[in-house]
N, C-alpha and C. Protein backbone atom coordinates (compact mmCIF):
# COMPACT_ATOMS: atom_id res chain seq x y z
N MET A 1 0.83 -1.41 0.20
CA MET A 1 0.58 -0.05 -0.19
C MET A 1 1.29 1.59 -0.27
N GLU A 2 0.23 2.48 -0.43
CA GLU A 2 1.45 3.42 -0.70
C GLU A 2 0.16 4.68 -0.39
N LEU A 3 0.74 5.84 -0.30
CA LEU A 3 0.42 6.91 -0.20
C LEU A 3 1.43 8.43 -0.45
N PHE A 4 0.53 8.70 -1.55
CA PHE A 4 1.21 9.71 -2.05
C PHE A 4 0.90 11.22 -2.48
N ILE A 5 1.59 12.58 -1.63
CA ILE A 5 0.90 13.82 -1.67
C ILE A 5 1.67 14.41 -2.38
N PRO A 6 1.06 14.62 -3.54
CA PRO A 6 2.47 16.05 -4.44
C PRO A 6 1.40 16.73 -5.00
N ARG A 7 2.56 17.86 -4.97
CA ARG A 7 1.96 20.14 -4.52
C ARG A 7 2.42 20.19 -5.85
N ALA A 8 1.75 21.03 -6.35
CA ALA A 8 1.96 21.60 -7.55
C ALA A 8 1.29 23.91 -7.69
N ASP A 9 2.43 24.00 -7.63
CA ASP A 9 3.44 25.21 -7.75
C ASP A 9 3.80 25.77 -9.31
N ASN A 10 3.86 27.68 -8.93
CA ASN A 10 3.74 27.88 -9.86
C ASN A 10 3.02 27.87 -11.20
N VAL A 11 1.56 27.08 -11.16
CA VAL A 11 1.12 26.84 -12.21
C VAL A 11 0.44 28.23 -13.22
N THR A 12 1.05 28.20 -14.25
CA THR A 12 0.73 29.63 -15.28
C THR A 12 0.43 28.12 -16.80
N LEU A 13 -0.77 29.48 -17.38
CA LEU A 13 -1.18 29.10 -18.87
C LEU A 13 -0.79 30.01 -19.64
N THR A 14 0.20 30.12 -20.78
CA THR A 14 0.45 30.99 -21.43
C THR A 14 -1.18 30.33 -23.15
N VAL A 15 -1.11 31.38 -23.55
CA VAL A 15 -2.08 31.26 -24.21
C VAL A 15 -1.11 31.91 -25.59
N LYS A 16 -0.40 32.30 -26.60
CA LYS A 16 0.33 32.44 -28.27
C LYS A 16 0.09 33.18 -28.74
N ASN A 17 -1.16 32.91 -29.04
CA ASN A 17 -2.41 33.47 -29.84
C ASN A 17 -3.67 34.41 -29.82
N GLY A 18 -4.55 35.39 -30.76
CA GLY A 18 -5.34 34.85 -30.53
C GLY A 18 -5.90 36.83 -29.59
N PRO A 19 -7.03 36.86 -29.50
CA PRO A 19 -6.81 38.29 -28.67
C PRO A 19 -7.34 37.85 -27.16
N TYR A 20 -6.79 36.47 -26.94
CA TYR A 20 -6.32 36.47 -25.65
C TYR A 20 -5.29 36.14 -25.15
N ALA A 21 -4.17 36.18 -25.69
CA ALA A 21 -2.58 35.77 -25.95
C ALA A 21 -2.09 36.86 -24.12
N GLY A 22 -1.77 35.53 -23.91
CA GLY A 22 -0.88 36.27 -22.57
C GLY A 22 -0.17 35.07 -20.97
N THR A 23 0.17 35.63 -20.09
CA THR A 23 -0.49 34.07 -18.99
C THR A 23 -0.58 35.05 -18.18
N TYR A 24 -1.14 33.51 -17.59
CA TYR A 24 -2.22 33.57 -16.53
C TYR A 24 -1.59 32.37 -15.44
N ALA A 25 -2.01 33.32 -14.33
CA ALA A 25 -2.05 32.62 -12.63
C ALA A 25 -2.74 31.42 -12.61
N ARG A 26 -2.78 30.16 -12.33
CA ARG A 26 -4.07 29.52 -11.67
C ARG A 26 -3.26 28.45 -10.57
N THR A 27 -3.89 27.74 -10.22
CA THR A 27 -3.95 27.17 -8.38
C THR A 27 -4.87 26.31 -9.41
N ALA A 28 -3.44 24.54 -9.24
CA ALA A 28 -3.71 23.24 -9.75
C ALA A 28 -3.40 22.44 -7.73
N ILE A 29 -4.82 21.77 -7.70
CA ILE A 29 -5.15 20.58 -6.59
C ILE A 29 -4.95 19.38 -6.45
N TYR A 30 -3.75 19.00 -6.17
CA TYR A 30 -3.49 17.07 -6.31
C TYR A 30 -4.22 17.13 -5.47
N PRO A 31 -4.71 15.81 -5.28
CA PRO A 31 -5.79 15.00 -3.93
C PRO A 31 -4.20 13.99 -3.35
N ARG A 32 -4.45 14.06 -2.30
CA ARG A 32 -4.05 12.70 -2.02
C ARG A 32 -4.08 10.57 -2.50
N THR A 33 -3.64 10.34 -3.05
CA THR A 33 -3.49 9.43 -3.68
C THR A 33 -2.54 8.19 -2.35
N PHE A 34 -4.05 7.07 -2.59
CA PHE A 34 -4.27 6.15 -1.46
C PHE A 34 -4.32 4.74 -2.93
N ASP A 35 -3.37 3.73 -2.98
CA ASP A 35 -2.87 2.92 -4.07
C ASP A 35 -2.34 1.89 -3.22
N VAL A 36 -3.62 0.83 -4.06
CA VAL A 36 -2.57 -0.85 -3.00
C VAL A 36 -1.55 -1.11 -4.26
N SER A 37 -0.67 -2.11 -4.27
CA SER A 37 -0.04 -2.03 -5.35
C SER A 37 1.09 -3.02 -5.01
N GLY A 38 2.00 -3.56 -6.31
CA GLY A 38 3.00 -4.37 -6.36
C GLY A 38 4.87 -4.38 -6.77
N THR A 39 5.68 -5.17 -5.96
CA THR A 39 6.90 -5.04 -6.49
C THR A 39 7.98 -5.90 -5.97
N TRP A 40 8.90 -6.37 -7.22
CA TRP A 40 9.91 -6.80 -7.63
C TRP A 40 11.02 -6.30 -7.39
N ALA A 41 11.73 -7.21 -7.10
CA ALA A 41 13.34 -6.52 -6.21
C ALA A 41 14.36 -7.61 -6.16
N VAL A 42 15.72 -7.59 -6.28
CA VAL A 42 16.08 -7.63 -6.52
C VAL A 42 18.08 -8.16 -6.06
N GLY A 43 18.47 -8.30 -5.83
CA GLY A 43 20.24 -7.45 -4.96
C GLY A 43 20.88 -8.78 -4.58
N SER A 44 21.91 -8.29 -3.67
CA SER A 44 22.69 -8.75 -3.22
C SER A 44 22.94 -8.04 -1.86
N MET A 45 23.39 -8.95 -0.81
CA MET A 45 23.90 -8.91 0.31
C MET A 45 24.84 -9.68 0.84
N SER A 46 25.79 -8.96 1.32
CA SER A 46 27.56 -9.30 2.11
C SER A 46 27.87 -8.55 3.36
N ALA A 47 27.97 -10.02 4.55
CA ALA A 47 28.97 -9.80 5.80
C ALA A 47 29.68 -8.55 5.90
N ILE A 48 29.74 -7.91 6.30
CA ILE A 48 30.66 -6.67 6.80
C ILE A 48 31.56 -7.27 8.63
N THR A 49 30.48 -8.39 9.40
CA THR A 49 31.46 -8.74 10.05
C THR A 49 29.88 -9.71 10.87
N ASP A 50 30.17 -10.19 11.41
CA ASP A 50 29.49 -11.21 11.85
C ASP A 50 28.22 -11.56 11.90
N LYS A 51 27.40 -9.64 12.30
CA LYS A 51 26.60 -9.99 12.97
C LYS A 51 25.60 -8.86 11.43
N PHE A 52 26.79 -7.61 11.24
CA PHE A 52 26.45 -6.57 10.22
C PHE A 52 26.06 -7.15 8.85
N LEU A 53 25.64 -6.56 8.06
CA LEU A 53 25.51 -6.63 6.45
C LEU A 53 25.67 -5.49 5.63
N LEU A 54 25.95 -5.52 4.30
CA LEU A 54 25.54 -4.50 3.40
C LEU A 54 24.55 -5.13 2.53
N GLY A 55 24.04 -4.49 1.34
CA GLY A 55 23.53 -4.83 0.28
C GLY A 55 23.48 -4.02 -0.75
N ILE A 56 22.93 -4.64 -1.26
CA ILE A 56 22.79 -3.57 -2.98
C ILE A 56 21.35 -4.51 -3.82
N GLY A 57 20.89 -3.18 -4.13
CA GLY A 57 19.00 -3.98 -4.56
C GLY A 57 18.69 -3.26 -6.01
N LEU A 58 17.36 -3.43 -6.91
CA LEU A 58 17.08 -2.59 -7.49
C LEU A 58 15.48 -2.51 -7.27
N GLU A 59 14.62 -2.56 -6.75
CA GLU A 59 13.41 -2.62 -7.49
C GLU A 59 12.47 -1.87 -8.45
N GLN A 60 11.50 -2.37 -8.39
CA GLN A 60 10.55 -1.81 -9.16
C GLN A 60 9.07 -1.86 -9.75
N GLU A 61 7.83 -1.12 -9.12
CA GLU A 61 6.23 -0.82 -9.14
C GLU A 61 6.35 -0.89 -10.01
N PRO A 62 5.86 -2.22 -11.10
CA PRO A 62 5.32 -1.65 -12.43
C PRO A 62 3.30 -2.12 -12.45
N ILE A 63 3.01 -1.56 -11.53
CA ILE A 63 1.28 -1.63 -10.99
C ILE A 63 1.01 -0.59 -11.27
N ALA A 64 0.62 0.08 -12.13
CA ALA A 64 0.21 1.64 -12.28
C ALA A 64 -1.00 2.21 -11.25
N SER A 65 -1.11 2.63 -10.73
CA SER A 65 -2.89 3.51 -10.03
C SER A 65 -3.51 3.78 -10.44
N SER A 66 -4.96 3.94 -10.24
CA SER A 66 -5.68 4.88 -11.15
C SER A 66 -5.77 6.18 -10.65
N PRO A 67 -6.54 6.83 -11.91
CA PRO A 67 -6.15 7.51 -11.96
C PRO A 67 -7.04 8.49 -11.22
N HIS A 68 -6.10 9.79 -10.46
CA HIS A 68 -6.61 10.87 -9.66
C HIS A 68 -6.92 11.49 -10.67
N LYS A 69 -7.87 12.28 -9.74
CA LYS A 69 -8.17 13.75 -10.49
C LYS A 69 -8.37 15.27 -9.83
N VAL A 70 -7.50 15.93 -10.37
CA VAL A 70 -6.98 17.70 -10.37
C VAL A 70 -7.56 18.18 -10.78
N LYS A 71 -8.18 19.46 -9.38
CA LYS A 71 -9.05 20.77 -10.17
C LYS A 71 -8.22 21.87 -10.14
N ILE A 72 -8.84 22.50 -10.88
CA ILE A 72 -7.76 23.25 -12.03
C ILE A 72 -8.42 24.84 -11.78
N ILE A 73 -8.54 26.27 -10.95
CA ILE A 73 -8.66 27.10 -11.18
C ILE A 73 -8.17 28.14 -10.57
N SER A 74 -8.85 28.51 -12.40
CA SER A 74 -8.17 30.16 -13.05
C SER A 74 -8.12 30.75 -12.68
N SER A 75 -7.95 32.34 -12.71
CA SER A 75 -7.08 33.71 -11.88
C SER A 75 -8.60 33.97 -12.34
N THR A 76 -9.50 33.49 -13.20
CA THR A 76 -10.76 34.19 -13.20
C THR A 76 -12.35 33.63 -11.98
N GLY A 77 -10.92 32.52 -11.58
CA GLY A 77 -13.04 31.49 -10.72
C GLY A 77 -12.30 30.62 -11.73
N ASN A 78 -12.72 29.87 -12.44
CA ASN A 78 -13.35 28.85 -13.48
C ASN A 78 -12.57 27.24 -13.14
N VAL A 79 -13.11 27.05 -12.77
CA VAL A 79 -12.73 25.25 -12.48
C VAL A 79 -12.56 25.03 -13.59
N SER A 80 -11.64 23.72 -14.23
CA SER A 80 -11.64 22.63 -14.92
C SER A 80 -11.07 21.79 -14.32
N TYR A 81 -11.05 20.18 -14.76
CA TYR A 81 -10.13 19.38 -13.87
C TYR A 81 -9.26 18.39 -15.52
N SER A 82 -8.29 18.01 -14.22
CA SER A 82 -7.42 17.04 -15.07
C SER A 82 -7.33 15.73 -14.36
N THR A 83 -6.43 15.25 -14.61
CA THR A 83 -5.96 13.28 -14.37
C THR A 83 -4.38 13.20 -14.05
N TYR A 84 -4.30 11.87 -13.06
CA TYR A 84 -2.67 12.32 -12.57
C TYR A 84 -3.06 11.12 -12.46
N ALA A 85 -1.63 9.78 -12.84
CA ALA A 85 -1.75 9.08 -11.95
C ALA A 85 -0.18 8.44 -11.91
N GLN A 86 0.37 7.71 -10.74
CA GLN A 86 1.36 6.90 -10.98
C GLN A 86 1.66 6.01 -12.01
N THR A 87 2.74 5.87 -12.76
CA THR A 87 2.09 4.69 -12.81
C THR A 87 4.04 3.32 -12.60
N SER A 88 4.46 3.75 -12.46
CA SER A 88 5.82 2.54 -12.28
C SER A 88 6.57 3.86 -10.55
N HIS A 89 7.95 3.21 -10.23
CA HIS A 89 9.22 3.41 -9.48
C HIS A 89 9.95 2.87 -9.43
N PHE A 90 10.90 3.11 -9.66
CA PHE A 90 12.10 2.48 -9.74
C PHE A 90 12.88 2.56 -8.68
N ASN A 91 13.65 2.46 -7.68
CA ASN A 91 14.42 2.42 -6.59
C ASN A 91 15.64 1.69 -6.50
N VAL A 92 17.40 2.09 -6.79
CA VAL A 92 18.46 1.72 -6.97
C VAL A 92 18.89 2.30 -5.73
N PHE A 93 19.36 1.32 -4.12
CA PHE A 93 19.50 1.28 -3.11
C PHE A 93 20.23 0.80 -2.71
N LEU A 94 21.12 0.80 -1.70
CA LEU A 94 22.40 0.48 -0.84
C LEU A 94 21.08 0.25 1.12
N SER A 95 21.81 -0.93 1.48
CA SER A 95 20.91 -1.75 2.58
C SER A 95 21.77 -2.32 3.90
N PRO A 96 21.70 -1.64 4.32
CA PRO A 96 22.47 -1.70 5.56
C PRO A 96 21.65 -2.78 6.97
N ALA A 97 22.61 -3.76 7.21
CA ALA A 97 21.07 -5.08 8.00
C ALA A 97 22.27 -5.28 9.33
N TYR A 98 21.24 -6.61 10.27
CA TYR A 98 21.41 -6.50 11.25
C TYR A 98 21.16 -7.32 11.95
N ALA A 99 21.54 -8.57 12.12
CA ALA A 99 21.57 -10.02 12.11
C ALA A 99 20.96 -10.12 13.27
N LEU A 100 19.34 -10.31 14.01
CA LEU A 100 19.11 -10.83 15.26
C LEU A 100 20.38 -12.15 15.52
N LYS A 101 19.36 -13.28 15.24
CA LYS A 101 19.71 -14.58 14.74
C LYS A 101 20.39 -15.25 13.05
N LYS A 102 21.00 -16.24 13.21
CA LYS A 102 20.93 -16.86 12.31
C LYS A 102 20.33 -16.12 10.99
N ASP A 103 19.32 -17.17 11.04
CA ASP A 103 17.71 -16.27 9.85
C ASP A 103 16.60 -15.12 10.35
N LYS A 104 17.21 -14.79 11.47
CA LYS A 104 16.17 -12.93 11.57
C LYS A 104 17.50 -11.76 11.14
N LEU A 105 16.80 -10.50 10.41
CA LEU A 105 17.83 -9.96 10.43
C LEU A 105 16.59 -8.24 10.46
N VAL A 106 16.81 -7.34 10.74
CA VAL A 106 16.10 -6.02 10.80
C VAL A 106 17.31 -5.27 9.06
N PHE A 107 16.67 -4.67 7.81
CA PHE A 107 17.27 -3.45 7.52
C PHE A 107 16.93 -2.29 7.19
N GLY A 108 18.10 -2.01 6.89
CA GLY A 108 17.46 0.40 6.07
C GLY A 108 17.67 -0.30 4.73
N LYS A 109 17.09 0.40 4.61
CA LYS A 109 17.25 1.20 2.52
C LYS A 109 17.60 2.93 2.81
N ILE A 110 19.00 3.35 2.21
CA ILE A 110 18.47 4.57 1.47
C ILE A 110 19.21 4.34 -0.29
N GLY A 111 18.17 4.82 -1.44
CA GLY A 111 19.29 4.86 -2.20
C GLY A 111 18.36 6.22 -3.59
N TYR A 112 18.02 6.11 -4.46
CA TYR A 112 17.97 6.75 -5.59
C TYR A 112 16.05 6.43 -6.40
N THR A 113 15.70 7.12 -6.55
CA THR A 113 14.46 6.63 -6.96
C THR A 113 13.87 7.79 -7.70
N ASN A 114 13.18 6.92 -8.69
CA ASN A 114 12.23 7.78 -10.01
C ASN A 114 10.52 6.66 -9.73
N SER A 115 10.43 8.05 -10.25
CA SER A 115 8.61 7.85 -10.13
C SER A 115 7.95 8.32 -11.41
N THR A 116 7.75 7.34 -12.31
CA THR A 116 6.90 8.56 -13.94
C THR A 116 6.14 8.61 -13.17
N GLU A 117 4.93 9.89 -13.41
CA GLU A 117 3.75 9.80 -13.59
C GLU A 117 2.85 10.62 -14.83
N GLU A 118 1.51 10.29 -15.07
CA GLU A 118 1.18 10.69 -16.20
C GLU A 118 0.44 12.06 -15.01
N ILE A 119 0.10 12.75 -16.21
CA ILE A 119 -0.87 14.16 -15.98
C ILE A 119 -1.38 14.86 -17.06
N ASP A 120 -2.38 14.03 -18.00
CA ASP A 120 -3.65 15.01 -18.31
C ASP A 120 -3.26 16.63 -18.33
N PHE A 121 -2.54 17.00 -17.89
CA PHE A 121 -3.28 18.82 -17.91
C PHE A 121 -3.20 20.18 -19.49
N ASP A 122 -4.61 20.34 -19.20
CA ASP A 122 -5.04 20.51 -20.71
C ASP A 122 -4.90 20.28 -21.96
N ALA A 123 -4.75 18.76 -21.81
CA ALA A 123 -3.97 18.40 -23.56
C ALA A 123 -5.03 16.49 -23.51
N ASP A 124 -4.78 16.10 -24.11
CA ASP A 124 -5.73 14.88 -24.08
C ASP A 124 -3.97 13.80 -23.68
N GLU A 125 -3.57 14.82 -24.28
CA GLU A 125 -2.67 13.41 -24.11
C GLU A 125 -0.69 14.04 -24.14
N THR A 126 -0.03 14.13 -23.16
CA THR A 126 0.70 14.48 -22.48
C THR A 126 1.65 14.00 -22.19
N PRO A 127 3.37 14.59 -22.37
CA PRO A 127 4.55 13.33 -22.13
C PRO A 127 4.32 12.35 -20.92
N ASP A 128 5.18 11.27 -20.09
CA ASP A 128 5.27 11.38 -19.11
C ASP A 128 6.15 12.14 -18.29
N HIS A 129 5.92 11.79 -16.78
CA HIS A 129 6.55 13.11 -16.43
C HIS A 129 7.98 12.64 -15.83
N ILE A 130 9.04 12.47 -15.07
CA ILE A 130 9.77 11.64 -14.43
C ILE A 130 10.46 12.74 -13.56
N ALA A 131 10.00 12.02 -12.59
CA ALA A 131 10.45 12.69 -10.63
C ALA A 131 11.46 11.69 -10.30
N GLU A 132 12.73 12.45 -10.22
CA GLU A 132 13.75 11.74 -9.33
C GLU A 132 13.42 12.66 -8.12
N GLY A 133 14.23 10.88 -6.87
CA GLY A 133 14.44 11.54 -5.63
C GLY A 133 15.13 11.07 -4.56
N VAL A 134 14.50 10.59 -4.07
CA VAL A 134 15.57 9.74 -2.45
C VAL A 134 14.82 8.75 -1.88
N VAL A 135 14.62 7.82 -1.41
CA VAL A 135 13.80 6.73 -0.81
C VAL A 135 14.93 6.81 0.48
N LEU A 136 14.26 6.49 1.23
CA LEU A 136 14.57 5.95 2.94
C LEU A 136 14.05 4.44 3.16
N GLY A 137 14.14 3.48 3.90
CA GLY A 137 13.34 2.58 4.09
C GLY A 137 14.05 1.96 5.33
N ALA A 138 13.18 1.04 6.12
CA ALA A 138 13.43 0.06 7.26
C ALA A 138 12.94 -1.14 7.40
N GLY A 139 12.76 -2.65 7.15
CA GLY A 139 12.10 -3.63 8.02
C GLY A 139 12.98 -4.87 8.30
N TYR A 140 12.45 -5.79 8.02
CA TYR A 140 12.46 -7.93 8.87
C TYR A 140 12.11 -7.93 7.98
N LYS A 141 13.03 -8.82 7.59
CA LYS A 141 13.27 -10.23 7.43
C LYS A 141 13.43 -11.32 7.72
N GLN A 142 13.14 -12.06 7.67
CA GLN A 142 13.12 -13.73 8.64
C GLN A 142 12.99 -15.30 8.19
N ILE A 143 13.92 -15.51 7.54
CA ILE A 143 14.31 -17.15 7.10
C ILE A 143 13.16 -18.23 7.15
N VAL A 144 11.85 -18.23 6.18
CA VAL A 144 10.95 -19.54 7.11
C VAL A 144 10.83 -20.90 6.30
N SER A 145 11.32 -21.48 5.51
CA SER A 145 12.30 -22.39 5.17
C SER A 145 12.76 -22.59 3.73
N GLY A 146 14.11 -22.74 3.79
CA GLY A 146 15.76 -23.37 3.30
C GLY A 146 15.52 -21.69 2.36
N GLY A 147 15.41 -22.09 1.38
CA GLY A 147 15.18 -20.69 1.12
C GLY A 147 14.95 -19.65 1.22
N VAL A 148 13.49 -19.84 1.11
CA VAL A 148 12.30 -19.29 1.81
C VAL A 148 11.97 -17.49 2.49
N PHE A 149 12.03 -16.83 2.36
CA PHE A 149 12.25 -15.74 3.64
C PHE A 149 10.05 -14.88 3.28
N LEU A 150 9.56 -13.96 4.50
CA LEU A 150 9.44 -13.47 4.98
C LEU A 150 9.75 -11.81 4.81
N PHE A 151 9.13 -11.11 4.15
CA PHE A 151 9.28 -9.75 5.55
C PHE A 151 8.81 -8.48 4.66
N GLY A 152 8.61 -7.39 6.40
CA GLY A 152 8.29 -6.47 5.74
C GLY A 152 9.01 -4.67 5.33
N GLU A 153 8.24 -4.31 4.90
CA GLU A 153 8.69 -3.03 5.28
C GLU A 153 8.06 -1.82 4.78
N ALA A 154 8.68 -0.51 5.64
CA ALA A 154 8.31 0.90 4.99
C ALA A 154 9.21 1.35 4.41
N ASN A 155 8.41 2.72 3.64
CA ASN A 155 9.87 3.34 2.94
C ASN A 155 8.96 5.14 2.87
N TYR A 156 10.08 5.81 2.92
CA TYR A 156 9.45 7.26 2.15
C TYR A 156 11.28 7.95 1.13
N TYR A 157 9.46 8.12 0.66
CA TYR A 157 10.16 8.57 -0.78
C TYR A 157 10.29 10.19 -0.63
N HIS A 158 10.66 10.97 -1.44
CA HIS A 158 10.88 12.38 -1.41
C HIS A 158 11.20 12.63 -3.35
N TYR A 159 10.88 13.21 -3.76
CA TYR A 159 10.66 13.51 -5.51
C TYR A 159 11.40 15.47 -5.58
N PRO A 160 11.56 16.16 -5.42
CA PRO A 160 11.94 17.93 -4.93
C PRO A 160 11.59 18.13 -6.30
N SER A 161 10.99 19.62 -6.26
CA SER A 161 10.08 20.66 -7.10
C SER A 161 11.01 20.95 -8.21
N LYS A 162 9.89 19.98 -9.63
CA LYS A 162 10.87 19.83 -10.80
C LYS A 162 10.09 20.53 -11.67
N ASN A 163 9.72 21.18 -13.20
CA ASN A 163 9.62 21.90 -13.78
C ASN A 163 8.84 20.58 -14.77
N TYR A 164 7.36 20.67 -14.72
CA TYR A 164 6.53 20.30 -16.27
C TYR A 164 6.06 21.07 -16.03
N THR A 165 6.83 20.68 -18.23
CA THR A 165 5.80 21.85 -19.30
C THR A 165 4.97 21.39 -20.48
N THR A 166 3.61 20.92 -20.77
CA THR A 166 2.92 20.52 -21.63
C THR A 166 2.26 21.76 -23.07
N SER A 167 2.36 21.51 -23.90
CA SER A 167 1.80 22.46 -25.12
C SER A 167 0.62 21.57 -25.47
N GLY A 168 -0.56 22.57 -26.92
CA GLY A 168 -0.86 22.22 -27.58
C GLY A 168 -1.45 22.95 -27.85
N ILE A 169 -3.22 22.48 -28.94
CA ILE A 169 -3.73 23.61 -29.72
C ILE A 169 -4.91 23.31 -29.18
N THR A 170 -6.01 24.59 -28.53
CA THR A 170 -7.48 24.14 -28.41
C THR A 170 -8.08 23.49 -30.46
N ARG A 171 -8.75 23.66 -30.09
CA ARG A 171 -10.40 23.17 -30.81
C ARG A 171 -10.39 24.36 -31.44
N ASP A 172 -10.36 25.86 -30.70
CA ASP A 172 -10.38 27.02 -32.25
C ASP A 172 -9.73 27.14 -32.32
N GLY A 173 -7.78 26.50 -32.45
CA GLY A 173 -6.57 26.90 -33.27
C GLY A 173 -5.56 27.62 -32.26
N LEU A 174 -6.59 28.23 -31.09
CA LEU A 174 -5.37 28.41 -29.82
C LEU A 174 -4.40 27.82 -29.35
N ILE A 175 -2.69 28.50 -29.21
CA ILE A 175 -1.51 28.18 -28.47
C ILE A 175 -0.97 27.36 -27.82
N PHE A 176 -1.05 26.84 -26.66
CA PHE A 176 -0.87 27.50 -25.11
C PHE A 176 -0.36 26.53 -24.92
N VAL A 177 0.65 26.91 -23.82
CA VAL A 177 1.78 25.99 -22.81
C VAL A 177 1.74 26.33 -21.32
N SER A 178 1.43 24.81 -21.00
CA SER A 178 0.56 25.04 -19.31
C SER A 178 2.33 24.35 -18.45
N ASP A 179 2.61 25.56 -17.77
CA ASP A 179 3.99 25.04 -16.73
C ASP A 179 3.59 24.98 -15.03
N GLN A 180 3.69 24.19 -14.53
CA GLN A 180 4.09 24.01 -13.14
C GLN A 180 5.16 23.41 -12.59
N LYS A 181 5.37 23.07 -11.03
CA LYS A 181 6.63 22.46 -10.84
C LYS A 181 5.70 21.78 -9.53
N ILE A 182 6.14 20.96 -9.57
CA ILE A 182 5.58 19.30 -9.04
C ILE A 182 6.31 18.90 -7.88
N THR A 183 6.10 18.69 -6.38
CA THR A 183 6.55 18.23 -5.70
C THR A 183 5.46 17.58 -4.83
N SER A 184 6.61 16.44 -4.48
CA SER A 184 5.44 15.10 -3.60
C SER A 184 6.88 14.13 -2.97
N LYS A 185 5.76 13.28 -1.53
CA LYS A 185 6.41 13.03 -0.99
C LYS A 185 5.93 11.81 -0.57
N GLY A 186 6.17 10.37 -0.65
CA GLY A 186 5.14 9.44 -0.35
C GLY A 186 5.53 8.43 0.83
N PHE A 187 4.67 7.84 1.22
CA PHE A 187 4.76 6.11 2.10
C PHE A 187 4.55 4.97 1.16
N SER A 188 5.23 4.47 1.73
CA SER A 188 4.89 2.73 1.33
C SER A 188 5.27 1.56 2.33
N THR A 189 4.28 1.05 2.56
CA THR A 189 4.85 -0.34 3.46
C THR A 189 4.21 -1.78 2.78
N SER A 190 4.96 -2.15 2.82
CA SER A 190 4.45 -3.53 1.82
C SER A 190 4.59 -4.97 2.78
N VAL A 191 4.20 -6.14 2.30
CA VAL A 191 4.88 -7.17 2.96
C VAL A 191 4.85 -8.51 1.55
N GLY A 192 5.99 -9.44 1.81
CA GLY A 192 5.99 -9.88 0.50
C GLY A 192 7.08 -11.54 1.61
N PHE A 193 7.60 -11.93 -0.19
CA PHE A 193 8.23 -13.63 0.28
C PHE A 193 9.15 -12.91 -0.87
N GLY A 194 10.61 -13.58 -0.64
CA GLY A 194 11.31 -13.81 -1.42
C GLY A 194 12.50 -15.08 -1.39
N TYR A 195 13.58 -15.34 -1.83
CA TYR A 195 14.71 -16.40 -1.90
C TYR A 195 15.52 -16.02 -1.50
N VAL A 196 16.30 -16.40 -1.42
CA VAL A 196 18.25 -16.19 -1.01
C VAL A 196 18.26 -17.46 -0.80
N LEU A 197 19.66 -17.07 -1.71
CA LEU A 197 20.68 -18.51 -2.44
C LEU A 197 20.83 -18.93 -0.90
N PRO A 198 21.02 -20.82 -0.94
CA PRO A 198 21.61 -21.87 -0.26
C PRO A 198 22.89 -20.85 1.44
N ARG A 199 22.68 -19.97 1.55
CA ARG A 199 23.95 -19.59 2.61
C ARG A 199 23.46 -19.48 3.55
N SER A 200 24.00 -19.06 4.98
CA SER A 200 23.90 -17.89 6.22
C SER A 200 23.56 -17.24 5.73
N LEU A 201 22.65 -15.83 6.64
CA LEU A 201 22.87 -14.13 6.37
C LEU A 201 24.07 -13.87 7.62
N THR A 202 24.64 -14.61 8.75
CA THR A 202 25.95 -14.49 9.16
C THR A 202 26.55 -15.04 8.28
N ARG A 203 28.05 -14.40 8.35
CA ARG A 203 29.66 -14.89 8.53
C ARG A 203 30.02 -16.35 9.12
N LYS A 204 30.68 -17.10 8.30
CA LYS A 204 30.79 -18.07 9.42
C LYS A 204 31.61 -17.86 9.81
């Protein structure tokens, strides 16, 4: 499960031609998004001491969230709507860990994350927006049988402000450019299972 809180600043609409040519300030209200999704991951972990380990990994969330409605308010008070959806997350991270027992460990996560977002903003089709940021997390793993383990973890995502621009032509032939700076932060929790190659979680 994941919760994301996007925010848009410096939202403007620039009309390039026609009697209403000019730049207009607007407000875009993004909803908090709550979705149930899934993730796959691969990685490797090596022992530093008898108890401390260091891992490296990558993971992707290939399941798209449902579209969410964005409310857009013009400087004159007119209201229109667009949609916002996150279609994937990709993370590359380091994972320090501590072995509680031979088959149990707690771990942390710090790394790079990017998020692919679809934002239909003043046009039927717009390019995907790629946000880049940092992911922090922590969790617990326990081997239950052979190399099969169960895990649970929680993550925090932060995507700093990044400019997003889209342009188009209206049915009346007006050329427009929409600009907005999008900042996003989010939280996710997950439980699941995996497989580790047959070796002890601690150094022998």
